[in-house]
Amino acid sequence: MTTQRDDQTSLPIPVTRDRPVVKCLDCKTPLTNRKSRLWGRGEKCRHDLTSAPSPGRFDVEQDELPDA
């Protein structure tokens, strides 16, 4: 029978006051808000990724499918 001392699930999770520093993948500045930390990129770098012009519509060349 396992006792509370032997049971690994009863061990406390260490709590730290300071979060680890996460830096932007592009410009290497420290990320401070939650959304930036989730993306791994700062506000400006995220905006640069989403503001790229779309390539536009074009016709795709492809061979016809054979009749089944």
N, C-alpha and C. Protein backbone atom coordinates (compact mmCIF):
# COMPACT_ATOMS: atom_id res chain seq x y z
N MET A 1 0.85 -1.17 0.00
CA MET A 1 0.00 0.00 0.00
C MET A 1 0.90 1.24 0.00
N THR A 2 0.56 2.23 -0.81
CA THR A 2 1.39 3.44 -0.87
C THR A 2 0.92 4.45 0.16
N THR A 3 1.88 5.08 0.75
CA THR A 3 1.56 6.13 1.71
C THR A 3 1.60 7.47 1.01
N GLN A 4 1.20 8.51 1.71
CA GLN A 4 1.18 9.84 1.11
C GLN A 4 2.60 10.29 0.76
N ARG A 5 3.60 9.87 1.52
CA ARG A 5 4.98 10.25 1.22
C ARG A 5 5.47 9.58 -0.06
N ASP A 6 5.02 8.35 -0.33
CA ASP A 6 5.44 7.62 -1.52
C ASP A 6 4.68 8.05 -2.77
N ASP A 7 3.51 8.60 -2.60
CA ASP A 7 2.67 8.98 -3.72
C ASP A 7 3.23 10.25 -4.37
N GLN A 8 3.66 10.15 -5.63
CA GLN A 8 4.27 11.28 -6.32
C GLN A 8 3.27 12.37 -6.69
N THR A 9 1.98 12.04 -6.74
CA THR A 9 0.99 13.04 -7.12
C THR A 9 0.72 14.04 -6.01
N SER A 10 1.12 13.74 -4.79
CA SER A 10 0.86 14.66 -3.69
C SER A 10 1.97 15.68 -3.50
N LEU A 11 3.03 15.60 -4.32
CA LEU A 11 4.11 16.56 -4.17
C LEU A 11 3.66 17.93 -4.65
N PRO A 12 4.04 18.99 -3.95
CA PRO A 12 3.62 20.33 -4.37
C PRO A 12 4.33 20.77 -5.66
N ILE A 13 3.64 21.53 -6.46
CA ILE A 13 4.23 22.08 -7.68
C ILE A 13 4.99 23.34 -7.29
N PRO A 14 6.25 23.45 -7.67
CA PRO A 14 7.00 24.65 -7.30
C PRO A 14 6.41 25.89 -7.98
N VAL A 15 6.21 26.93 -7.22
CA VAL A 15 5.65 28.17 -7.73
C VAL A 15 6.74 29.21 -7.74
N THR A 16 6.95 29.82 -8.90
CA THR A 16 7.94 30.89 -9.00
C THR A 16 7.23 32.21 -9.21
N ARG A 17 7.79 33.26 -8.71
CA ARG A 17 7.17 34.58 -8.84
C ARG A 17 7.44 35.17 -10.20
N ASP A 18 8.59 34.90 -10.77
CA ASP A 18 8.97 35.50 -12.05
C ASP A 18 8.76 34.51 -13.18
N ARG A 19 8.11 34.99 -14.25
CA ARG A 19 7.97 34.14 -15.43
C ARG A 19 9.27 34.19 -16.23
N PRO A 20 9.59 33.13 -16.94
CA PRO A 20 10.81 33.17 -17.75
C PRO A 20 10.67 34.20 -18.87
N VAL A 21 11.77 34.79 -19.25
CA VAL A 21 11.77 35.80 -20.31
C VAL A 21 11.62 35.09 -21.65
N VAL A 22 10.64 35.52 -22.43
CA VAL A 22 10.42 34.99 -23.78
C VAL A 22 10.72 36.11 -24.75
N LYS A 23 11.57 35.83 -25.73
CA LYS A 23 11.94 36.87 -26.69
C LYS A 23 11.28 36.60 -28.03
N CYS A 24 11.05 37.69 -28.78
CA CYS A 24 10.45 37.60 -30.10
C CYS A 24 11.35 36.79 -31.02
N LEU A 25 10.75 35.93 -31.83
CA LEU A 25 11.53 35.10 -32.74
C LEU A 25 12.20 35.92 -33.83
N ASP A 26 11.64 37.09 -34.16
CA ASP A 26 12.18 37.91 -35.24
C ASP A 26 13.14 38.99 -34.73
N CYS A 27 12.64 39.86 -33.82
CA CYS A 27 13.44 41.03 -33.42
C CYS A 27 14.13 40.85 -32.07
N LYS A 28 13.89 39.76 -31.37
CA LYS A 28 14.54 39.39 -30.11
C LYS A 28 14.22 40.35 -28.95
N THR A 29 13.14 41.12 -29.01
CA THR A 29 12.74 41.94 -27.87
C THR A 29 11.94 41.09 -26.90
N PRO A 30 12.00 41.39 -25.60
CA PRO A 30 11.23 40.61 -24.62
C PRO A 30 9.73 40.79 -24.84
N LEU A 31 8.99 39.70 -24.76
CA LEU A 31 7.54 39.74 -24.95
C LEU A 31 6.87 39.90 -23.59
N THR A 32 5.90 40.83 -23.53
CA THR A 32 5.29 41.13 -22.23
C THR A 32 3.83 40.73 -22.13
N ASN A 33 3.07 40.78 -23.21
CA ASN A 33 1.65 40.44 -23.07
C ASN A 33 1.38 39.00 -23.48
N ARG A 34 0.22 38.50 -23.10
CA ARG A 34 -0.14 37.09 -23.29
C ARG A 34 -0.19 36.70 -24.76
N LYS A 35 -0.81 37.55 -25.59
CA LYS A 35 -0.96 37.22 -27.01
C LYS A 35 0.41 37.12 -27.69
N SER A 36 1.31 38.02 -27.35
CA SER A 36 2.65 37.98 -27.94
C SER A 36 3.39 36.72 -27.51
N ARG A 37 3.24 36.35 -26.24
CA ARG A 37 3.93 35.15 -25.74
C ARG A 37 3.38 33.89 -26.41
N LEU A 38 2.07 33.86 -26.70
CA LEU A 38 1.48 32.70 -27.37
C LEU A 38 1.99 32.59 -28.81
N TRP A 39 2.05 33.72 -29.51
CA TRP A 39 2.51 33.72 -30.90
C TRP A 39 4.02 33.56 -31.01
N GLY A 40 4.74 34.04 -29.97
CA GLY A 40 6.19 34.02 -30.04
C GLY A 40 6.74 35.20 -30.80
N ARG A 41 5.89 36.18 -31.08
CA ARG A 41 6.30 37.38 -31.82
C ARG A 41 5.67 38.60 -31.19
N GLY A 42 6.37 39.74 -31.26
CA GLY A 42 5.86 40.99 -30.73
C GLY A 42 4.74 41.55 -31.59
N GLU A 43 4.12 42.64 -31.10
CA GLU A 43 2.99 43.24 -31.82
C GLU A 43 3.37 43.66 -33.24
N LYS A 44 4.51 44.34 -33.38
CA LYS A 44 4.92 44.83 -34.70
C LYS A 44 5.24 43.67 -35.64
N CYS A 45 5.93 42.67 -35.16
CA CYS A 45 6.28 41.53 -36.00
C CYS A 45 5.03 40.75 -36.41
N ARG A 46 4.06 40.62 -35.49
CA ARG A 46 2.80 39.94 -35.83
C ARG A 46 2.05 40.73 -36.89
N HIS A 47 2.04 42.06 -36.75
CA HIS A 47 1.34 42.90 -37.73
C HIS A 47 2.00 42.77 -39.10
N ASP A 48 3.33 42.71 -39.13
CA ASP A 48 4.04 42.55 -40.40
C ASP A 48 3.69 41.23 -41.07
N LEU A 49 3.45 40.19 -40.28
CA LEU A 49 3.09 38.89 -40.85
C LEU A 49 1.70 38.92 -41.47
N THR A 50 0.75 39.60 -40.79
CA THR A 50 -0.63 39.57 -41.26
C THR A 50 -0.94 40.65 -42.28
N SER A 51 -0.05 41.64 -42.45
CA SER A 51 -0.35 42.72 -43.38
C SER A 51 0.28 42.52 -44.75
N ALA A 52 0.79 41.35 -45.03
CA ALA A 52 1.38 41.08 -46.34
C ALA A 52 0.28 41.10 -47.40
N PRO A 53 0.57 41.64 -48.58
CA PRO A 53 -0.45 41.67 -49.63
C PRO A 53 -0.78 40.26 -50.10
N SER A 54 -2.04 40.05 -50.44
CA SER A 54 -2.44 38.74 -50.93
C SER A 54 -1.96 38.58 -52.37
N PRO A 55 -1.62 37.37 -52.78
CA PRO A 55 -1.08 37.17 -54.12
C PRO A 55 -2.11 37.35 -55.22
N GLY A 56 -3.39 37.39 -54.89
CA GLY A 56 -4.41 37.56 -55.92
C GLY A 56 -4.87 36.22 -56.47
N ARG A 57 -5.85 36.26 -57.34
CA ARG A 57 -6.40 35.04 -57.91
C ARG A 57 -5.73 34.73 -59.23
N PHE A 58 -5.53 33.47 -59.50
CA PHE A 58 -4.92 33.05 -60.75
C PHE A 58 -5.45 31.67 -61.10
N ASP A 59 -5.40 31.35 -62.36
CA ASP A 59 -5.84 30.05 -62.83
C ASP A 59 -4.72 29.03 -62.64
N VAL A 60 -5.10 27.86 -62.18
CA VAL A 60 -4.14 26.80 -61.97
C VAL A 60 -4.14 25.89 -63.18
N GLU A 61 -2.95 25.62 -63.71
CA GLU A 61 -2.84 24.71 -64.85
C GLU A 61 -2.79 23.29 -64.31
N GLN A 62 -3.68 22.46 -64.82
CA GLN A 62 -3.65 21.06 -64.41
C GLN A 62 -4.21 20.19 -65.52
N ASP A 63 -3.76 18.94 -65.52
CA ASP A 63 -4.23 17.98 -66.53
C ASP A 63 -5.63 17.56 -66.18
N GLU A 64 -6.39 17.19 -67.24
CA GLU A 64 -7.73 16.71 -67.00
C GLU A 64 -7.70 15.34 -66.35
N LEU A 65 -8.68 15.06 -65.52
CA LEU A 65 -8.77 13.75 -64.87
C LEU A 65 -9.30 12.73 -65.87
N PRO A 66 -8.80 11.51 -65.87
CA PRO A 66 -9.30 10.50 -66.79
C PRO A 66 -10.71 10.06 -66.40
N ASP A 67 -11.49 9.66 -67.38
CA ASP A 67 -12.86 9.18 -67.11
C ASP A 67 -12.79 7.84 -66.39
N ALA A 68 -13.64 7.68 -65.42
CA ALA A 68 -13.62 6.44 -64.65
C ALA A 68 -14.61 5.44 -65.19
